[in-house]
Every structure is written in C-alpha cells, then in structure tokens.
Amino acid sequence: LKATLPEVPIYVDAAYCAGVTPESHENALK
C-alpha cells in the first residue's frame, strides 16, 4: 500500500496486531 499510494499516510496499530512470535512482531513493526 505504501508503494501504491506513497502520499497516503499508512498506519499500523501495533496493539491490534500479533505476529508469529512477540519478537517477530516487534521486528516487523521496526
């Protein structure tokens, strides 16, 4: 979405996501 719409603000709400592991979740957020 960032590549397709580069001027539209893209947000990820971290508290409403979960990863395969907590560590991989945090790595993806970074």
PDB file of all heavy atoms in Angstrom:
ATOM      1  N   LEU A   1       0.826  -1.207   0.000  1.00  0.00           N
ATOM      2  CA  LEU A   1       0.000   0.000   0.000  1.00  0.00           C
ATOM      3  C   LEU A   1       0.861   1.257   0.000  1.00  0.00           C
ATOM      4  O   LEU A   1       0.540   2.233  -0.677  1.00  0.00           O
ATOM      5  CB  LEU A   1      -0.963  -0.007   1.186  1.00  0.00           C
ATOM      6  CG  LEU A   1      -2.049  -1.089   1.114  1.00  0.00           C
ATOM      7  CD1 LEU A   1      -2.816  -1.166   2.419  1.00  0.00           C
ATOM      8  CD2 LEU A   1      -2.973  -0.852  -0.070  1.00  0.00           C
ATOM      9  N   LYS A   2       1.978   1.239   0.720  1.00  0.00           N
ATOM     10  CA  LYS A   2       2.892   2.392   0.730  1.00  0.00           C
ATOM     11  C   LYS A   2       3.476   2.610  -0.663  1.00  0.00           C
ATOM     12  O   LYS A   2       3.606   3.745  -1.113  1.00  0.00           O
ATOM     13  CB  LYS A   2       4.005   2.173   1.762  1.00  0.00           C
ATOM     14  CG  LYS A   2       4.879   3.375   1.976  1.00  0.00           C
ATOM     15  CD  LYS A   2       4.090   4.501   2.602  1.00  0.00           C
ATOM     16  CE  LYS A   2       4.951   5.710   2.884  1.00  0.00           C
ATOM     17  NZ  LYS A   2       4.138   6.867   3.258  1.00  0.00           N
ATOM     18  N   ALA A   3       3.810   1.523  -1.366  1.00  0.00           N
ATOM     19  CA  ALA A   3       4.350   1.642  -2.718  1.00  0.00           C
ATOM     20  C   ALA A   3       3.290   2.117  -3.704  1.00  0.00           C
ATOM     21  O   ALA A   3       3.583   2.878  -4.628  1.00  0.00           O
ATOM     22  CB  ALA A   3       4.927   0.298  -3.168  1.00  0.00           C
ATOM     23  N   THR A   4       2.050   1.685  -3.512  1.00  0.00           N
ATOM     24  CA  THR A   4       0.958   2.034  -4.426  1.00  0.00           C
ATOM     25  C   THR A   4       0.437   3.440  -4.183  1.00  0.00           C
ATOM     26  O   THR A   4       0.090   4.151  -5.129  1.00  0.00           O
ATOM     27  CB  THR A   4      -0.192   1.015  -4.270  1.00  0.00           C
ATOM     28  OG1 THR A   4       0.321  -0.299  -4.515  1.00  0.00           O
ATOM     29  CG2 THR A   4      -1.325   1.291  -5.238  1.00  0.00           C
ATOM     30  N   LEU A   5       0.373   3.847  -2.929  1.00  0.00           N
ATOM     31  CA  LEU A   5      -0.175   5.152  -2.539  1.00  0.00           C
ATOM     32  C   LEU A   5       0.846   5.869  -1.642  1.00  0.00           C
ATOM     33  O   LEU A   5       0.613   6.040  -0.434  1.00  0.00           O
ATOM     34  CB  LEU A   5      -1.503   4.959  -1.810  1.00  0.00           C
ATOM     35  CG  LEU A   5      -2.628   4.335  -2.644  1.00  0.00           C
ATOM     36  CD1 LEU A   5      -3.717   3.741  -1.764  1.00  0.00           C
ATOM     37  CD2 LEU A   5      -3.195   5.377  -3.590  1.00  0.00           C
ATOM     38  N   PRO A   6       1.979   6.277  -2.193  1.00  0.00           N
ATOM     39  CA  PRO A   6       3.076   6.792  -1.358  1.00  0.00           C
ATOM     40  C   PRO A   6       2.757   8.065  -0.579  1.00  0.00           C
ATOM     41  O   PRO A   6       3.394   8.322   0.446  1.00  0.00           O
ATOM     42  CB  PRO A   6       4.207   7.040  -2.360  1.00  0.00           C
ATOM     43  CG  PRO A   6       3.538   7.172  -3.684  1.00  0.00           C
ATOM     44  CD  PRO A   6       2.311   6.304  -3.623  1.00  0.00           C
ATOM     45  N   GLU A   7       1.778   8.837  -0.995  1.00  0.00           N
ATOM     46  CA  GLU A   7       1.441  10.078  -0.291  1.00  0.00           C
ATOM     47  C   GLU A   7       0.299   9.921   0.708  1.00  0.00           C
ATOM     48  O   GLU A   7      -0.035  10.870   1.416  1.00  0.00           O
ATOM     49  CB  GLU A   7       1.128  11.193  -1.295  1.00  0.00           C
ATOM     50  CG  GLU A   7       2.325  11.589  -2.160  1.00  0.00           C
ATOM     51  CD  GLU A   7       3.531  12.032  -1.336  1.00  0.00           C
ATOM     52  OE1 GLU A   7       3.364  12.794  -0.360  1.00  0.00           O
ATOM     53  OE2 GLU A   7       4.656  11.601  -1.666  1.00  0.00           O
ATOM     54  N   VAL A   8      -0.293   8.736   0.771  1.00  0.00           N
ATOM     55  CA  VAL A   8      -1.345   8.480   1.754  1.00  0.00           C
ATOM     56  C   VAL A   8      -0.687   7.963   3.027  1.00  0.00           C
ATOM     57  O   VAL A   8       0.074   6.992   2.976  1.00  0.00           O
ATOM     58  CB  VAL A   8      -2.368   7.449   1.217  1.00  0.00           C
ATOM     59  CG1 VAL A   8      -3.379   7.074   2.302  1.00  0.00           C
ATOM     60  CG2 VAL A   8      -3.080   7.985  -0.018  1.00  0.00           C
ATOM     61  N   PRO A   9      -0.954   8.575   4.167  1.00  0.00           N
ATOM     62  CA  PRO A   9      -0.389   8.058   5.417  1.00  0.00           C
ATOM     63  C   PRO A   9      -0.893   6.631   5.689  1.00  0.00           C
ATOM     64  O   PRO A   9      -2.093   6.374   5.649  1.00  0.00           O
ATOM     65  CB  PRO A   9      -0.894   9.025   6.485  1.00  0.00           C
ATOM     66  CG  PRO A   9      -1.283  10.262   5.740  1.00  0.00           C
ATOM     67  CD  PRO A   9      -1.733   9.799   4.385  1.00  0.00           C
ATOM     68  N   ILE A  10       0.062   5.740   5.937  1.00  0.00           N
ATOM     69  CA  ILE A  10      -0.254   4.343   6.250  1.00  0.00           C
ATOM     70  C   ILE A  10       0.095   4.130   7.723  1.00  0.00           C
ATOM     71  O   ILE A  10       1.212   4.423   8.153  1.00  0.00           O
ATOM     72  CB  ILE A  10       0.561   3.352   5.380  1.00  0.00           C
ATOM     73  CG1 ILE A  10       0.466   3.677   3.887  1.00  0.00           C
ATOM     74  CG2 ILE A  10       0.156   1.906   5.693  1.00  0.00           C
ATOM     75  CD1 ILE A  10      -0.861   3.425   3.240  1.00  0.00           C
ATOM     76  N   TYR A  11      -0.868   3.610   8.486  1.00  0.00           N
ATOM     77  CA  TYR A  11      -0.690   3.346   9.908  1.00  0.00           C
ATOM     78  C   TYR A  11      -0.841   1.852  10.176  1.00  0.00           C
ATOM     79  O   TYR A  11      -1.644   1.179   9.531  1.00  0.00           O
ATOM     80  CB  TYR A  11      -1.756   4.075  10.737  1.00  0.00           C
ATOM     81  CG  TYR A  11      -1.678   5.579  10.663  1.00  0.00           C
ATOM     82  CD1 TYR A  11      -2.361   6.276   9.669  1.00  0.00           C
ATOM     83  CD2 TYR A  11      -0.927   6.288  11.593  1.00  0.00           C
ATOM     84  CE1 TYR A  11      -2.287   7.663   9.598  1.00  0.00           C
ATOM     85  CE2 TYR A  11      -0.854   7.667  11.524  1.00  0.00           C
ATOM     86  CZ  TYR A  11      -1.532   8.352  10.524  1.00  0.00           C
ATOM     87  OH  TYR A  11      -1.458   9.719  10.454  1.00  0.00           O
ATOM     88  N   VAL A  12      -0.105   1.373  11.165  1.00  0.00           N
ATOM     89  CA  VAL A  12      -0.309   0.028  11.695  1.00  0.00           C
ATOM     90  C   VAL A  12      -0.513   0.198  13.190  1.00  0.00           C
ATOM     91  O   VAL A  12       0.325   0.793  13.875  1.00  0.00           O
ATOM     92  CB  VAL A  12       0.890  -0.899  11.397  1.00  0.00           C
ATOM     93  CG1 VAL A  12       0.758  -2.218  12.144  1.00  0.00           C
ATOM     94  CG2 VAL A  12       1.001  -1.152   9.900  1.00  0.00           C
ATOM     95  N   ASP A  13      -1.646  -0.282  13.682  1.00  0.00           N
ATOM     96  CA  ASP A  13      -1.956  -0.172  15.103  1.00  0.00           C
ATOM     97  C   ASP A  13      -1.411  -1.410  15.807  1.00  0.00           C
ATOM     98  O   ASP A  13      -2.003  -2.490  15.750  1.00  0.00           O
ATOM     99  CB  ASP A  13      -3.464  -0.020  15.303  1.00  0.00           C
ATOM    100  CG  ASP A  13      -3.793   0.607  16.631  1.00  0.00           C
ATOM    101  OD1 ASP A  13      -2.996   0.447  17.581  1.00  0.00           O
ATOM    102  OD2 ASP A  13      -4.855   1.251  16.721  1.00  0.00           O
ATOM    103  N   ALA A  14      -0.258  -1.258  16.441  1.00  0.00           N
ATOM    104  CA  ALA A  14       0.501  -2.387  16.988  1.00  0.00           C
ATOM    105  C   ALA A  14      -0.284  -3.210  18.009  1.00  0.00           C
ATOM    106  O   ALA A  14      -0.146  -4.433  18.054  1.00  0.00           O
ATOM    107  CB  ALA A  14       1.801  -1.886  17.611  1.00  0.00           C
ATOM    108  N   ALA A  15      -1.112  -2.565  18.811  1.00  0.00           N
ATOM    109  CA  ALA A  15      -1.867  -3.276  19.846  1.00  0.00           C
ATOM    110  C   ALA A  15      -2.980  -4.137  19.272  1.00  0.00           C
ATOM    111  O   ALA A  15      -3.554  -4.972  19.972  1.00  0.00           O
ATOM    112  CB  ALA A  15      -2.449  -2.289  20.850  1.00  0.00           C
ATOM    113  N   TYR A  16      -3.274  -3.948  17.991  1.00  0.00           N
ATOM    114  CA  TYR A  16      -4.346  -4.681  17.317  1.00  0.00           C
ATOM    115  C   TYR A  16      -3.768  -5.654  16.296  1.00  0.00           C
ATOM    116  O   TYR A  16      -4.462  -6.069  15.367  1.00  0.00           O
ATOM    117  CB  TYR A  16      -5.303  -3.699  16.643  1.00  0.00           C
ATOM    118  CG  TYR A  16      -5.991  -2.776  17.623  1.00  0.00           C
ATOM    119  CD1 TYR A  16      -5.320  -1.682  18.150  1.00  0.00           C
ATOM    120  CD2 TYR A  16      -7.292  -3.018  18.023  1.00  0.00           C
ATOM    121  CE1 TYR A  16      -5.947  -0.839  19.065  1.00  0.00           C
ATOM    122  CE2 TYR A  16      -7.924  -2.176  18.931  1.00  0.00           C
ATOM    123  CZ  TYR A  16      -7.238  -1.092  19.452  1.00  0.00           C
ATOM    124  OH  TYR A  16      -7.861  -0.258  20.351  1.00  0.00           O
ATOM    125  N   CYS A  17      -2.499  -5.991  16.476  1.00  0.00           N
ATOM    126  CA  CYS A  17      -1.805  -6.944  15.602  1.00  0.00           C
ATOM    127  C   CYS A  17      -1.094  -7.973  16.474  1.00  0.00           C
ATOM    128  O   CYS A  17      -0.793  -7.715  17.637  1.00  0.00           O
ATOM    129  CB  CYS A  17      -0.745  -6.238  14.752  1.00  0.00           C
ATOM    130  SG  CYS A  17      -1.380  -5.048  13.569  1.00  0.00           S
ATOM    131  N   ALA A  18      -0.800  -9.118  15.883  1.00  0.00           N
ATOM    132  CA  ALA A  18       0.021 -10.128  16.549  1.00  0.00           C
ATOM    133  C   ALA A  18       0.855 -10.813  15.487  1.00  0.00           C
ATOM    134  O   ALA A  18       0.400 -11.018  14.355  1.00  0.00           O
ATOM    135  CB  ALA A  18      -0.851 -11.149  17.292  1.00  0.00           C
ATOM    136  N   GLY A  19       2.068 -11.154  15.871  1.00  0.00           N
ATOM    137  CA  GLY A  19       2.964 -11.841  14.951  1.00  0.00           C
ATOM    138  C   GLY A  19       3.072 -13.317  15.270  1.00  0.00           C
ATOM    139  O   GLY A  19       2.439 -13.817  16.202  1.00  0.00           O
ATOM    140  N   VAL A  20       3.897 -13.985  14.511  1.00  0.00           N
ATOM    141  CA  VAL A  20       4.155 -15.401  14.756  1.00  0.00           C
ATOM    142  C   VAL A  20       4.736 -15.574  16.155  1.00  0.00           C
ATOM    143  O   VAL A  20       4.384 -16.497  16.879  1.00  0.00           O
ATOM    144  CB  VAL A  20       5.097 -15.973  13.668  1.00  0.00           C
ATOM    145  CG1 VAL A  20       5.504 -17.397  13.991  1.00  0.00           C
ATOM    146  CG2 VAL A  20       4.415 -15.910  12.299  1.00  0.00           C
ATOM    147  N   THR A  21       5.628 -14.651  16.538  1.00  0.00           N
ATOM    148  CA  THR A  21       6.164 -14.585  17.902  1.00  0.00           C
ATOM    149  C   THR A  21       6.168 -13.113  18.309  1.00  0.00           C
ATOM    150  O   THR A  21       6.159 -12.229  17.446  1.00  0.00           O
ATOM    151  CB  THR A  21       7.609 -15.126  17.987  1.00  0.00           C
ATOM    152  OG1 THR A  21       8.468 -14.228  17.264  1.00  0.00           O
ATOM    153  CG2 THR A  21       7.713 -16.545  17.439  1.00  0.00           C
ATOM    154  N   PRO A  22       6.223 -12.818  19.600  1.00  0.00           N
ATOM    155  CA  PRO A  22       6.334 -11.411  20.015  1.00  0.00           C
ATOM    156  C   PRO A  22       7.583 -10.729  19.427  1.00  0.00           C
ATOM    157  O   PRO A  22       7.535  -9.548  19.071  1.00  0.00           O
ATOM    158  CB  PRO A  22       6.396 -11.494  21.543  1.00  0.00           C
ATOM    159  CG  PRO A  22       5.643 -12.754  21.869  1.00  0.00           C
ATOM    160  CD  PRO A  22       6.003 -13.709  20.750  1.00  0.00           C
ATOM    161  N   GLU A  23       8.670 -11.479  19.306  1.00  0.00           N
ATOM    162  CA  GLU A  23       9.906 -10.911  18.756  1.00  0.00           C
ATOM    163  C   GLU A  23       9.758 -10.569  17.278  1.00  0.00           C
ATOM    164  O   GLU A  23      10.179  -9.492  16.835  1.00  0.00           O
ATOM    165  CB  GLU A  23      11.085 -11.888  18.954  1.00  0.00           C
ATOM    166  CG  GLU A  23      11.437 -12.173  20.397  1.00  0.00           C
ATOM    167  CD  GLU A  23      10.493 -13.160  21.093  1.00  0.00           C
ATOM    168  OE1 GLU A  23       9.792 -13.941  20.402  1.00  0.00           O
ATOM    169  OE2 GLU A  23      10.437 -13.142  22.329  1.00  0.00           O
ATOM    170  N   SER A  24       9.153 -11.468  16.511  1.00  0.00           N
ATOM    171  CA  SER A  24       8.987 -11.190  15.077  1.00  0.00           C
ATOM    172  C   SER A  24       7.962 -10.081  14.850  1.00  0.00           C
ATOM    173  O   SER A  24       8.075  -9.308  13.903  1.00  0.00           O
ATOM    174  CB  SER A  24       8.629 -12.461  14.299  1.00  0.00           C
ATOM    175  OG  SER A  24       7.400 -12.993  14.726  1.00  0.00           O
ATOM    176  N   HIS A  25       6.980  -9.973  15.732  1.00  0.00           N
ATOM    177  CA  HIS A  25       6.017  -8.862  15.704  1.00  0.00           C
ATOM    178  C   HIS A  25       6.774  -7.536  15.845  1.00  0.00           C
ATOM    179  O   HIS A  25       6.597  -6.617  15.045  1.00  0.00           O
ATOM    180  CB  HIS A  25       5.002  -9.049  16.844  1.00  0.00           C
ATOM    181  CG  HIS A  25       4.141  -7.879  17.167  1.00  0.00           C
ATOM    182  ND1 HIS A  25       3.046  -7.522  16.413  1.00  0.00           N
ATOM    183  CD2 HIS A  25       4.217  -6.977  18.192  1.00  0.00           C
ATOM    184  CE1 HIS A  25       2.469  -6.449  16.961  1.00  0.00           C
ATOM    185  NE2 HIS A  25       3.167  -6.105  18.024  1.00  0.00           N
ATOM    186  N   GLU A  26       7.631  -7.453  16.850  1.00  0.00           N
ATOM    187  CA  GLU A  26       8.393  -6.218  17.101  1.00  0.00           C
ATOM    188  C   GLU A  26       9.354  -5.916  15.953  1.00  0.00           C
ATOM    189  O   GLU A  26       9.494  -4.754  15.540  1.00  0.00           O
ATOM    190  CB  GLU A  26       9.156  -6.323  18.432  1.00  0.00           C
ATOM    191  CG  GLU A  26       9.822  -5.036  18.854  1.00  0.00           C
ATOM    192  CD  GLU A  26       8.882  -3.843  18.993  1.00  0.00           C
ATOM    193  OE1 GLU A  26       7.730  -4.007  19.431  1.00  0.00           O
ATOM    194  OE2 GLU A  26       9.312  -2.724  18.642  1.00  0.00           O
ATOM    195  N   ASN A  27      10.015  -6.932  15.407  1.00  0.00           N
ATOM    196  CA  ASN A  27      10.922  -6.730  14.272  1.00  0.00           C
ATOM    197  C   ASN A  27      10.165  -6.158  13.070  1.00  0.00           C
ATOM    198  O   ASN A  27      10.670  -5.270  12.381  1.00  0.00           O
ATOM    199  CB  ASN A  27      11.609  -8.038  13.879  1.00  0.00           C
ATOM    200  CG  ASN A  27      12.653  -8.466  14.875  1.00  0.00           C
ATOM    201  OD1 ASN A  27      13.153  -7.667  15.657  1.00  0.00           O
ATOM    202  ND2 ASN A  27      12.985  -9.753  14.855  1.00  0.00           N
ATOM    203  N   ALA A  28       8.969  -6.673  12.828  1.00  0.00           N
ATOM    204  CA  ALA A  28       8.165  -6.185  11.700  1.00  0.00           C
ATOM    205  C   ALA A  28       7.745  -4.737  11.919  1.00  0.00           C
ATOM    206  O   ALA A  28       7.768  -3.930  10.981  1.00  0.00           O
ATOM    207  CB  ALA A  28       6.935  -7.071  11.498  1.00  0.00           C
ATOM    208  N   LEU A  29       7.380  -4.396  13.137  1.00  0.00           N
ATOM    209  CA  LEU A  29       7.000  -3.009  13.430  1.00  0.00           C
ATOM    210  C   LEU A  29       8.165  -2.068  13.161  1.00  0.00           C
ATOM    211  O   LEU A  29       8.003  -1.000  12.555  1.00  0.00           O
ATOM    212  CB  LEU A  29       6.521  -2.874  14.881  1.00  0.00           C
ATOM    213  CG  LEU A  29       5.241  -3.630  15.235  1.00  0.00           C
ATOM    214  CD1 LEU A  29       4.979  -3.554  16.743  1.00  0.00           C
ATOM    215  CD2 LEU A  29       4.047  -3.124  14.447  1.00  0.00           C
ATOM    216  N   LYS A  30       9.370  -2.457  13.574  1.00  0.00           N
ATOM    217  CA  LYS A  30      10.560  -1.632  13.343  1.00  0.00           C
ATOM    218  C   LYS A  30      10.851  -1.505  11.847  1.00  0.00           C
ATOM    219  O   LYS A  30      11.222  -0.423  11.375  1.00  0.00           O
ATOM    220  CB  LYS A  30      11.765  -2.217  14.081  1.00  0.00           C
ATOM    221  CG  LYS A  30      11.685  -2.027  15.573  1.00  0.00           C
ATOM    222  CD  LYS A  30      12.857  -2.672  16.283  1.00  0.00           C
ATOM    223  CE  LYS A  30      12.712  -2.538  17.783  1.00  0.00           C
ATOM    224  NZ  LYS A  30      13.748  -3.287  18.496  1.00  0.00           N
TER     225      LYS A  30
END
